[in-house]
Amino acid sequence: MTFVYHGKVDTGLEIARRMYEAIALTARAPWNQRCLISSETGLPVWGDDYYSNMVVWALPMALDGQDVGSFAREGGLIDRMIAAATA
């Protein structure tokens, strides 16, 4: 997300794609992400933390150009996503 915030959206999205591929496709663990993933194989190396899934909110936040405060407040991306899901 750092690349996205610094205007290098394509690089940031490519890194996110590779991370998703390693976590969800190679390790087959989209809901149970590992703390360390091998850069060579994409397989888990160590750690098993469910709370790390909070990272999935960082990419949409960065792509929308929001900081954490605006992302979470009324009218922010989270609020708009919840409204769309309940409509």
PDB file of N, CA and C in Angstrom:
ATOM      1  N   MET A   1       0.815  -1.187   0.000  1.00  0.00           N
ATOM      2  CA  MET A   1       0.000   0.000   0.000  1.00  0.00           C
ATOM      3  C   MET A   1       0.862   1.255   0.000  1.00  0.00           C
ATOM      4  N   THR A   2       2.083   1.117   0.484  1.00  0.00           N
ATOM      5  CA  THR A   2       3.000   2.253   0.464  1.00  0.00           C
ATOM      6  C   THR A   2       3.238   2.720  -0.969  1.00  0.00           C
ATOM      7  N   PHE A   3       3.401   1.789  -1.891  1.00  0.00           N
ATOM      8  CA  PHE A   3       3.597   2.163  -3.296  1.00  0.00           C
ATOM      9  C   PHE A   3       2.378   2.914  -3.820  1.00  0.00           C
ATOM     10  N   VAL A   4       1.186   2.464  -3.482  1.00  0.00           N
ATOM     11  CA  VAL A   4      -0.049   3.119  -3.941  1.00  0.00           C
ATOM     12  C   VAL A   4      -0.097   4.550  -3.418  1.00  0.00           C
ATOM     13  N   TYR A   5       0.192   4.732  -2.130  1.00  0.00           N
ATOM     14  CA  TYR A   5       0.168   6.072  -1.547  1.00  0.00           C
ATOM     15  C   TYR A   5       1.206   6.994  -2.177  1.00  0.00           C
ATOM     16  N   HIS A   6       2.260   6.430  -2.717  1.00  0.00           N
ATOM     17  CA  HIS A   6       3.311   7.241  -3.341  1.00  0.00           C
ATOM     18  C   HIS A   6       3.179   7.302  -4.857  1.00  0.00           C
ATOM     19  N   GLY A   7       1.977   6.982  -5.367  1.00  0.00           N
ATOM     20  CA  GLY A   7       1.689   7.151  -6.782  1.00  0.00           C
ATOM     21  C   GLY A   7       2.158   6.025  -7.688  1.00  0.00           C
ATOM     22  N   LYS A   8       2.681   4.952  -7.125  1.00  0.00           N
ATOM     23  CA  LYS A   8       3.132   3.816  -7.937  1.00  0.00           C
ATOM     24  C   LYS A   8       2.091   2.697  -7.817  1.00  0.00           C
ATOM     25  N   VAL A   9       0.889   2.997  -8.345  1.00  0.00           N
ATOM     26  CA  VAL A   9      -0.257   2.106  -8.192  1.00  0.00           C
ATOM     27  C   VAL A   9      -0.008   0.749  -8.839  1.00  0.00           C
ATOM     28  N   ASP A  10       0.534   0.733 -10.045  1.00  0.00           N
ATOM     29  CA  ASP A  10       0.767  -0.538 -10.734  1.00  0.00           C
ATOM     30  C   ASP A  10       1.702  -1.447  -9.937  1.00  0.00           C
ATOM     31  N   THR A  11       2.752  -0.879  -9.375  1.00  0.00           N
ATOM     32  CA  THR A  11       3.686  -1.670  -8.561  1.00  0.00           C
ATOM     33  C   THR A  11       2.986  -2.189  -7.318  1.00  0.00           C
ATOM     34  N   GLY A  12       2.229  -1.334  -6.653  1.00  0.00           N
ATOM     35  CA  GLY A  12       1.501  -1.743  -5.452  1.00  0.00           C
ATOM     36  C   GLY A  12       0.505  -2.850  -5.733  1.00  0.00           C
ATOM     37  N   LEU A  13      -0.217  -2.737  -6.851  1.00  0.00           N
ATOM     38  CA  LEU A  13      -1.184  -3.770  -7.202  1.00  0.00           C
ATOM     39  C   LEU A  13      -0.504  -5.084  -7.579  1.00  0.00           C
ATOM     40  N   GLU A  14       0.637  -5.016  -8.213  1.00  0.00           N
ATOM     41  CA  GLU A  14       1.372  -6.231  -8.552  1.00  0.00           C
ATOM     42  C   GLU A  14       1.865  -6.937  -7.286  1.00  0.00           C
ATOM     43  N   ILE A  15       2.352  -6.169  -6.328  1.00  0.00           N
ATOM     44  CA  ILE A  15       2.779  -6.761  -5.060  1.00  0.00           C
ATOM     45  C   ILE A  15       1.581  -7.390  -4.345  1.00  0.00           C
ATOM     46  N   ALA A  16       0.453  -6.682  -4.342  1.00  0.00           N
ATOM     47  CA  ALA A  16      -0.757  -7.218  -3.706  1.00  0.00           C
ATOM     48  C   ALA A  16      -1.205  -8.505  -4.404  1.00  0.00           C
ATOM     49  N   ARG A  17      -1.134  -8.540  -5.729  1.00  0.00           N
ATOM     50  CA  ARG A  17      -1.506  -9.740  -6.475  1.00  0.00           C
ATOM     51  C   ARG A  17      -0.614 -10.913  -6.087  1.00  0.00           C
ATOM     52  N   ARG A  18       0.683 -10.666  -5.997  1.00  0.00           N
ATOM     53  CA  ARG A  18       1.624 -11.729  -5.625  1.00  0.00           C
ATOM     54  C   ARG A  18       1.383 -12.216  -4.196  1.00  0.00           C
ATOM     55  N   MET A  19       1.075 -11.280  -3.291  1.00  0.00           N
ATOM     56  CA  MET A  19       0.789 -11.662  -1.909  1.00  0.00           C
ATOM     57  C   MET A  19      -0.481 -12.508  -1.846  1.00  0.00           C
ATOM     58  N   TYR A  20      -1.515 -12.083  -2.567  1.00  0.00           N
ATOM     59  CA  TYR A  20      -2.763 -12.857  -2.581  1.00  0.00           C
ATOM     60  C   TYR A  20      -2.512 -14.249  -3.149  1.00  0.00           C
ATOM     61  N   GLU A  21      -1.758 -14.319  -4.222  1.00  0.00           N
ATOM     62  CA  GLU A  21      -1.443 -15.608  -4.831  1.00  0.00           C
ATOM     63  C   GLU A  21      -0.722 -16.515  -3.826  1.00  0.00           C
ATOM     64  N   ALA A  22       0.255 -15.957  -3.112  1.00  0.00           N
ATOM     65  CA  ALA A  22       1.004 -16.747  -2.127  1.00  0.00           C
ATOM     66  C   ALA A  22       0.105 -17.199  -0.979  1.00  0.00           C
ATOM     67  N   ILE A  23      -0.736 -16.305  -0.477  1.00  0.00           N
ATOM     68  CA  ILE A  23      -1.558 -16.603   0.694  1.00  0.00           C
ATOM     69  C   ILE A  23      -2.751 -17.492   0.342  1.00  0.00           C
ATOM     70  N   ALA A  24      -3.504 -17.112  -0.676  1.00  0.00           N
ATOM     71  CA  ALA A  24      -4.757 -17.807  -0.964  1.00  0.00           C
ATOM     72  C   ALA A  24      -4.597 -18.997  -1.903  1.00  0.00           C
ATOM     73  N   LEU A  25      -3.718 -18.878  -2.886  1.00  0.00           N
ATOM     74  CA  LEU A  25      -3.608 -19.946  -3.871  1.00  0.00           C
ATOM     75  C   LEU A  25      -2.508 -20.947  -3.552  1.00  0.00           C
ATOM     76  N   THR A  26      -1.297 -20.457  -3.269  1.00  0.00           N
ATOM     77  CA  THR A  26      -0.180 -21.365  -2.994  1.00  0.00           C
ATOM     78  C   THR A  26      -0.322 -22.019  -1.628  1.00  0.00           C
ATOM     79  N   ALA A  27      -0.528 -21.214  -0.579  1.00  0.00           N
ATOM     80  CA  ALA A  27      -0.635 -21.753   0.779  1.00  0.00           C
ATOM     81  C   ALA A  27      -2.049 -22.226   1.102  1.00  0.00           C
ATOM     82  N   ARG A  28      -3.010 -21.852   0.260  1.00  0.00           N
ATOM     83  CA  ARG A  28      -4.422 -22.223   0.455  1.00  0.00           C
ATOM     84  C   ARG A  28      -4.926 -21.820   1.833  1.00  0.00           C
ATOM     85  N   ALA A  29      -4.591 -20.593   2.244  1.00  0.00           N
ATOM     86  CA  ALA A  29      -4.965 -20.129   3.581  1.00  0.00           C
ATOM     87  C   ALA A  29      -5.454 -18.682   3.555  1.00  0.00           C
ATOM     88  N   PRO A  30      -6.496 -18.351   2.770  1.00  0.00           N
ATOM     89  CA  PRO A  30      -6.927 -16.947   2.701  1.00  0.00           C
ATOM     90  C   PRO A  30      -7.477 -16.410   4.012  1.00  0.00           C
ATOM     91  N   TRP A  31      -7.956 -17.276   4.906  1.00  0.00           N
ATOM     92  CA  TRP A  31      -8.543 -16.818   6.156  1.00  0.00           C
ATOM     93  C   TRP A  31      -7.658 -17.123   7.343  1.00  0.00           C
ATOM     94  N   ASN A  32      -6.463 -17.581   7.105  1.00  0.00           N
ATOM     95  CA  ASN A  32      -5.566 -17.938   8.193  1.00  0.00           C
ATOM     96  C   ASN A  32      -4.138 -17.614   7.747  1.00  0.00           C
ATOM     97  N   GLN A  33      -3.858 -16.346   7.606  1.00  0.00           N
ATOM     98  CA  GLN A  33      -2.591 -15.916   7.014  1.00  0.00           C
ATOM     99  C   GLN A  33      -1.413 -16.137   7.937  1.00  0.00           C
ATOM    100  N   ARG A  34      -0.300 -16.440   7.342  1.00  0.00           N
ATOM    101  CA  ARG A  34       0.932 -16.681   8.082  1.00  0.00           C
ATOM    102  C   ARG A  34       1.688 -15.380   8.323  1.00  0.00           C
ATOM    103  N   CYS A  35       2.468 -15.373   9.371  1.00  0.00           N
ATOM    104  CA  CYS A  35       3.282 -14.199   9.695  1.00  0.00           C
ATOM    105  C   CYS A  35       4.444 -14.048   8.725  1.00  0.00           C
ATOM    106  N   LEU A  36       5.014 -15.169   8.298  1.00  0.00           N
ATOM    107  CA  LEU A  36       6.141 -15.142   7.361  1.00  0.00           C
ATOM    108  C   LEU A  36       5.833 -16.034   6.180  1.00  0.00           C
ATOM    109  N   ILE A  37       6.079 -15.503   4.988  1.00  0.00           N
ATOM    110  CA  ILE A  37       5.888 -16.254   3.754  1.00  0.00           C
ATOM    111  C   ILE A  37       7.209 -16.244   3.010  1.00  0.00           C
ATOM    112  N   SER A  38       7.615 -17.396   2.496  1.00  0.00           N
ATOM    113  CA  SER A  38       8.880 -17.505   1.768  1.00  0.00           C
ATOM    114  C   SER A  38       8.808 -16.717   0.464  1.00  0.00           C
ATOM    115  N   SER A  39       9.784 -15.857   0.237  1.00  0.00           N
ATOM    116  CA  SER A  39       9.822 -15.095  -1.016  1.00  0.00           C
ATOM    117  C   SER A  39      10.200 -15.988  -2.187  1.00  0.00           C
ATOM    118  N   GLU A  40      10.758 -17.145  -1.905  1.00  0.00           N
ATOM    119  CA  GLU A  40      11.169 -18.063  -2.975  1.00  0.00           C
ATOM    120  C   GLU A  40      10.045 -18.994  -3.406  1.00  0.00           C
ATOM    121  N   THR A  41       9.265 -19.503  -2.447  1.00  0.00           N
ATOM    122  CA  THR A  41       8.242 -20.499  -2.777  1.00  0.00           C
ATOM    123  C   THR A  41       6.811 -19.992  -2.622  1.00  0.00           C
ATOM    124  N   GLY A  42       6.613 -18.923  -1.844  1.00  0.00           N
ATOM    125  CA  GLY A  42       5.268 -18.438  -1.556  1.00  0.00           C
ATOM    126  C   GLY A  42       4.567 -19.263  -0.491  1.00  0.00           C
ATOM    127  N   LEU A  43       5.266 -20.219   0.089  1.00  0.00           N
ATOM    128  CA  LEU A  43       4.673 -21.069   1.119  1.00  0.00           C
ATOM    129  C   LEU A  43       4.916 -20.490   2.505  1.00  0.00           C
ATOM    130  N   PRO A  44       4.036 -20.830   3.453  1.00  0.00           N
ATOM    131  CA  PRO A  44       4.210 -20.331   4.815  1.00  0.00           C
ATOM    132  C   PRO A  44       5.501 -20.837   5.433  1.00  0.00           C
ATOM    133  N   VAL A  45       6.139 -19.964   6.214  1.00  0.00           N
ATOM    134  CA  VAL A  45       7.368 -20.327   6.906  1.00  0.00           C
ATOM    135  C   VAL A  45       7.102 -20.449   8.401  1.00  0.00           C
ATOM    136  N   TRP A  46       6.356 -19.507   8.967  1.00  0.00           N
ATOM    137  CA  TRP A  46       6.128 -19.489  10.405  1.00  0.00           C
ATOM    138  C   TRP A  46       4.905 -18.647  10.730  1.00  0.00           C
ATOM    139  N   GLY A  47       4.256 -18.974  11.827  1.00  0.00           N
ATOM    140  CA  GLY A  47       3.191 -18.150  12.389  1.00  0.00           C
ATOM    141  C   GLY A  47       1.846 -18.395  11.746  1.00  0.00           C
ATOM    142  N   ASP A  48       0.825 -18.195  12.522  1.00  0.00           N
ATOM    143  CA  ASP A  48      -0.527 -18.495  12.099  1.00  0.00           C
ATOM    144  C   ASP A  48      -1.470 -17.577  12.878  1.00  0.00           C
ATOM    145  N   ASP A  49      -1.813 -16.427  12.312  1.00  0.00           N
ATOM    146  CA  ASP A  49      -2.586 -15.436  13.060  1.00  0.00           C
ATOM    147  C   ASP A  49      -3.805 -14.983  12.287  1.00  0.00           C
ATOM    148  N   TYR A  50      -4.989 -15.293  12.813  1.00  0.00           N
ATOM    149  CA  TYR A  50      -6.227 -14.903  12.142  1.00  0.00           C
ATOM    150  C   TYR A  50      -6.355 -13.383  12.057  1.00  0.00           C
ATOM    151  N   TYR A  51      -5.927 -12.663  13.090  1.00  0.00           N
ATOM    152  CA  TYR A  51      -6.112 -11.212  13.100  1.00  0.00           C
ATOM    153  C   TYR A  51      -5.350 -10.505  11.994  1.00  0.00           C
ATOM    154  N   SER A  52      -4.389 -11.169  11.384  1.00  0.00           N
ATOM    155  CA  SER A  52      -3.637 -10.515  10.308  1.00  0.00           C
ATOM    156  C   SER A  52      -4.507 -10.243   9.088  1.00  0.00           C
ATOM    157  N   ASN A  53      -5.701 -10.814   9.042  1.00  0.00           N
ATOM    158  CA  ASN A  53      -6.592 -10.561   7.916  1.00  0.00           C
ATOM    159  C   ASN A  53      -7.062  -9.112   7.857  1.00  0.00           C
ATOM    160  N   MET A  54      -6.811  -8.355   8.898  1.00  0.00           N
ATOM    161  CA  MET A  54      -7.158  -6.938   8.856  1.00  0.00           C
ATOM    162  C   MET A  54      -6.418  -6.229   7.722  1.00  0.00           C
ATOM    163  N   VAL A  55      -5.340  -6.823   7.232  1.00  0.00           N
ATOM    164  CA  VAL A  55      -4.580  -6.232   6.141  1.00  0.00           C
ATOM    165  C   VAL A  55      -5.427  -6.077   4.883  1.00  0.00           C
ATOM    166  N   VAL A  56      -6.491  -6.856   4.734  1.00  0.00           N
ATOM    167  CA  VAL A  56      -7.311  -6.749   3.529  1.00  0.00           C
ATOM    168  C   VAL A  56      -7.968  -5.379   3.402  1.00  0.00           C
ATOM    169  N   TRP A  57      -8.061  -4.625   4.503  1.00  0.00           N
ATOM    170  CA  TRP A  57      -8.648  -3.286   4.442  1.00  0.00           C
ATOM    171  C   TRP A  57      -7.648  -2.245   3.954  1.00  0.00           C
ATOM    172  N   ALA A  58      -6.387  -2.543   3.996  1.00  0.00           N
ATOM    173  CA  ALA A  58      -5.379  -1.545   3.647  1.00  0.00           C
ATOM    174  C   ALA A  58      -5.356  -1.222   2.155  1.00  0.00           C
ATOM    175  N   LEU A  59      -5.534  -2.208   1.294  1.00  0.00           N
ATOM    176  CA  LEU A  59      -5.481  -1.943  -0.149  1.00  0.00           C
ATOM    177  C   LEU A  59      -6.633  -1.056  -0.623  1.00  0.00           C
ATOM    178  N   PRO A  60      -7.894  -1.371  -0.296  1.00  0.00           N
ATOM    179  CA  PRO A  60      -8.961  -0.463  -0.731  1.00  0.00           C
ATOM    180  C   PRO A  60      -8.807   0.942  -0.158  1.00  0.00           C
ATOM    181  N   MET A  61      -8.319   1.027   1.077  1.00  0.00           N
ATOM    182  CA  MET A  61      -8.112   2.326   1.705  1.00  0.00           C
ATOM    183  C   MET A  61      -7.084   3.136   0.908  1.00  0.00           C
ATOM    184  N   ALA A  62      -5.985   2.498   0.543  1.00  0.00           N
ATOM    185  CA  ALA A  62      -4.941   3.180  -0.220  1.00  0.00           C
ATOM    186  C   ALA A  62      -5.430   3.550  -1.614  1.00  0.00           C
ATOM    187  N   LEU A  63      -6.143   2.635  -2.266  1.00  0.00           N
ATOM    188  CA  LEU A  63      -6.636   2.909  -3.615  1.00  0.00           C
ATOM    189  C   LEU A  63      -7.652   4.054  -3.634  1.00  0.00           C
ATOM    190  N   ASP A  64      -8.385   4.204  -2.525  1.00  0.00           N
ATOM    191  CA  ASP A  64      -9.347   5.298  -2.417  1.00  0.00           C
ATOM    192  C   ASP A  64      -8.692   6.590  -1.949  1.00  0.00           C
ATOM    193  N   GLY A  65      -7.384   6.521  -1.638  1.00  0.00           N
ATOM    194  CA  GLY A  65      -6.647   7.714  -1.215  1.00  0.00           C
ATOM    195  C   GLY A  65      -7.018   8.213   0.164  1.00  0.00           C
ATOM    196  N   GLN A  66      -7.519   7.316   1.010  1.00  0.00           N
ATOM    197  CA  GLN A  66      -7.949   7.713   2.349  1.00  0.00           C
ATOM    198  C   GLN A  66      -6.917   7.325   3.397  1.00  0.00           C
ATOM    199  N   ASP A  67      -6.916   8.099   4.492  1.00  0.00           N
ATOM    200  CA  ASP A  67      -6.140   7.693   5.652  1.00  0.00           C
ATOM    201  C   ASP A  67      -7.076   6.895   6.559  1.00  0.00           C
ATOM    202  N   VAL A  68      -6.545   6.345   7.645  1.00  0.00           N
ATOM    203  CA  VAL A  68      -7.341   5.484   8.515  1.00  0.00           C
ATOM    204  C   VAL A  68      -8.542   6.231   9.086  1.00  0.00           C
ATOM    205  N   GLY A  69      -8.354   7.475   9.497  1.00  0.00           N
ATOM    206  CA  GLY A  69      -9.447   8.248  10.083  1.00  0.00           C
ATOM    207  C   GLY A  69     -10.604   8.457   9.118  1.00  0.00           C
ATOM    208  N   SER A  70     -10.305   8.884   7.900  1.00  0.00           N
ATOM    209  CA  SER A  70     -11.381   9.129   6.936  1.00  0.00           C
ATOM    210  C   SER A  70     -11.967   7.821   6.421  1.00  0.00           C
ATOM    211  N   PHE A  71     -11.175   6.789   6.395  1.00  0.00           N
ATOM    212  CA  PHE A  71     -11.609   5.470   5.940  1.00  0.00           C
ATOM    213  C   PHE A  71     -12.692   4.905   6.856  1.00  0.00           C
ATOM    214  N   ALA A  72     -12.569   5.154   8.161  1.00  0.00           N
ATOM    215  CA  ALA A  72     -13.462   4.549   9.143  1.00  0.00           C
ATOM    216  C   ALA A  72     -14.656   5.425   9.523  1.00  0.00           C
ATOM    217  N   ARG A  73     -14.637   6.712   9.220  1.00  0.00           N
ATOM    218  CA  ARG A  73     -15.728   7.580   9.674  1.00  0.00           C
ATOM    219  C   ARG A  73     -16.943   7.498   8.752  1.00  0.00           C
ATOM    220  N   GLU A  74     -18.022   8.108   9.185  1.00  0.00           N
ATOM    221  CA  GLU A  74     -19.255   8.136   8.408  1.00  0.00           C
ATOM    222  C   GLU A  74     -18.980   8.732   7.027  1.00  0.00           C
ATOM    223  N   GLY A  75     -19.420   8.035   6.007  1.00  0.00           N
ATOM    224  CA  GLY A  75     -19.190   8.477   4.634  1.00  0.00           C
ATOM    225  C   GLY A  75     -17.903   7.948   4.042  1.00  0.00           C
ATOM    226  N   GLY A  76     -17.051   7.345   4.887  1.00  0.00           N
ATOM    227  CA  GLY A  76     -15.801   6.754   4.419  1.00  0.00           C
ATOM    228  C   GLY A  76     -16.053   5.442   3.691  1.00  0.00           C
ATOM    229  N   LEU A  77     -15.004   4.834   3.227  1.00  0.00           N
ATOM    230  CA  LEU A  77     -15.134   3.624   2.417  1.00  0.00           C
ATOM    231  C   LEU A  77     -15.819   2.486   3.163  1.00  0.00           C
ATOM    232  N   ILE A  78     -15.499   2.286   4.427  1.00  0.00           N
ATOM    233  CA  ILE A  78     -16.159   1.219   5.189  1.00  0.00           C
ATOM    234  C   ILE A  78     -17.654   1.482   5.265  1.00  0.00           C
ATOM    235  N   ASP A  79     -18.035   2.694   5.586  1.00  0.00           N
ATOM    236  CA  ASP A  79     -19.443   3.063   5.682  1.00  0.00           C
ATOM    237  C   ASP A  79     -20.156   2.845   4.347  1.00  0.00           C
ATOM    238  N   ARG A  80     -19.510   3.224   3.262  1.00  0.00           N
ATOM    239  CA  ARG A  80     -20.111   3.058   1.936  1.00  0.00           C
ATOM    240  C   ARG A  80     -20.225   1.577   1.553  1.00  0.00           C
ATOM    241  N   MET A  81     -19.257   0.773   1.940  1.00  0.00           N
ATOM    242  CA  MET A  81     -19.305  -0.657   1.646  1.00  0.00           C
ATOM    243  C   MET A  81     -20.428  -1.331   2.427  1.00  0.00           C
ATOM    244  N   ILE A  82     -20.582  -0.966   3.686  1.00  0.00           N
ATOM    245  CA  ILE A  82     -21.656  -1.546   4.505  1.00  0.00           C
ATOM    246  C   ILE A  82     -23.016  -1.127   3.951  1.00  0.00           C
ATOM    247  N   ALA A  83     -23.148   0.131   3.569  1.00  0.00           N
ATOM    248  CA  ALA A  83     -24.416   0.612   3.002  1.00  0.00           C
ATOM    249  C   ALA A  83     -24.743  -0.129   1.709  1.00  0.00           C
ATOM    250  N   ALA A  84     -23.758  -0.345   0.869  1.00  0.00           N
ATOM    251  CA  ALA A  84     -23.983  -1.055  -0.391  1.00  0.00           C
ATOM    252  C   ALA A  84     -24.363  -2.511  -0.140  1.00  0.00           C
ATOM    253  N   ALA A  85     -23.741  -3.122   0.868  1.00  0.00           N
ATOM    254  CA  ALA A  85     -24.035  -4.533   1.166  1.00  0.00           C
ATOM    255  C   ALA A  85     -25.418  -4.727   1.759  1.00  0.00           C
ATOM    256  N   THR A  86     -25.923  -3.717   2.462  1.00  0.00           N
ATOM    257  CA  THR A  86     -27.234  -3.835   3.093  1.00  0.00           C
ATOM    258  C   THR A  86     -28.362  -3.337   2.192  1.00  0.00           C
ATOM    259  N   ALA A  87     -27.994  -2.735   1.069  1.00  0.00           N
ATOM    260  CA  ALA A  87     -29.043  -2.205   0.154  1.00  0.00           C
ATOM    261  C   ALA A  87     -29.684  -3.318  -0.655  1.00  0.00           C
TER     262      ALA A  87
END
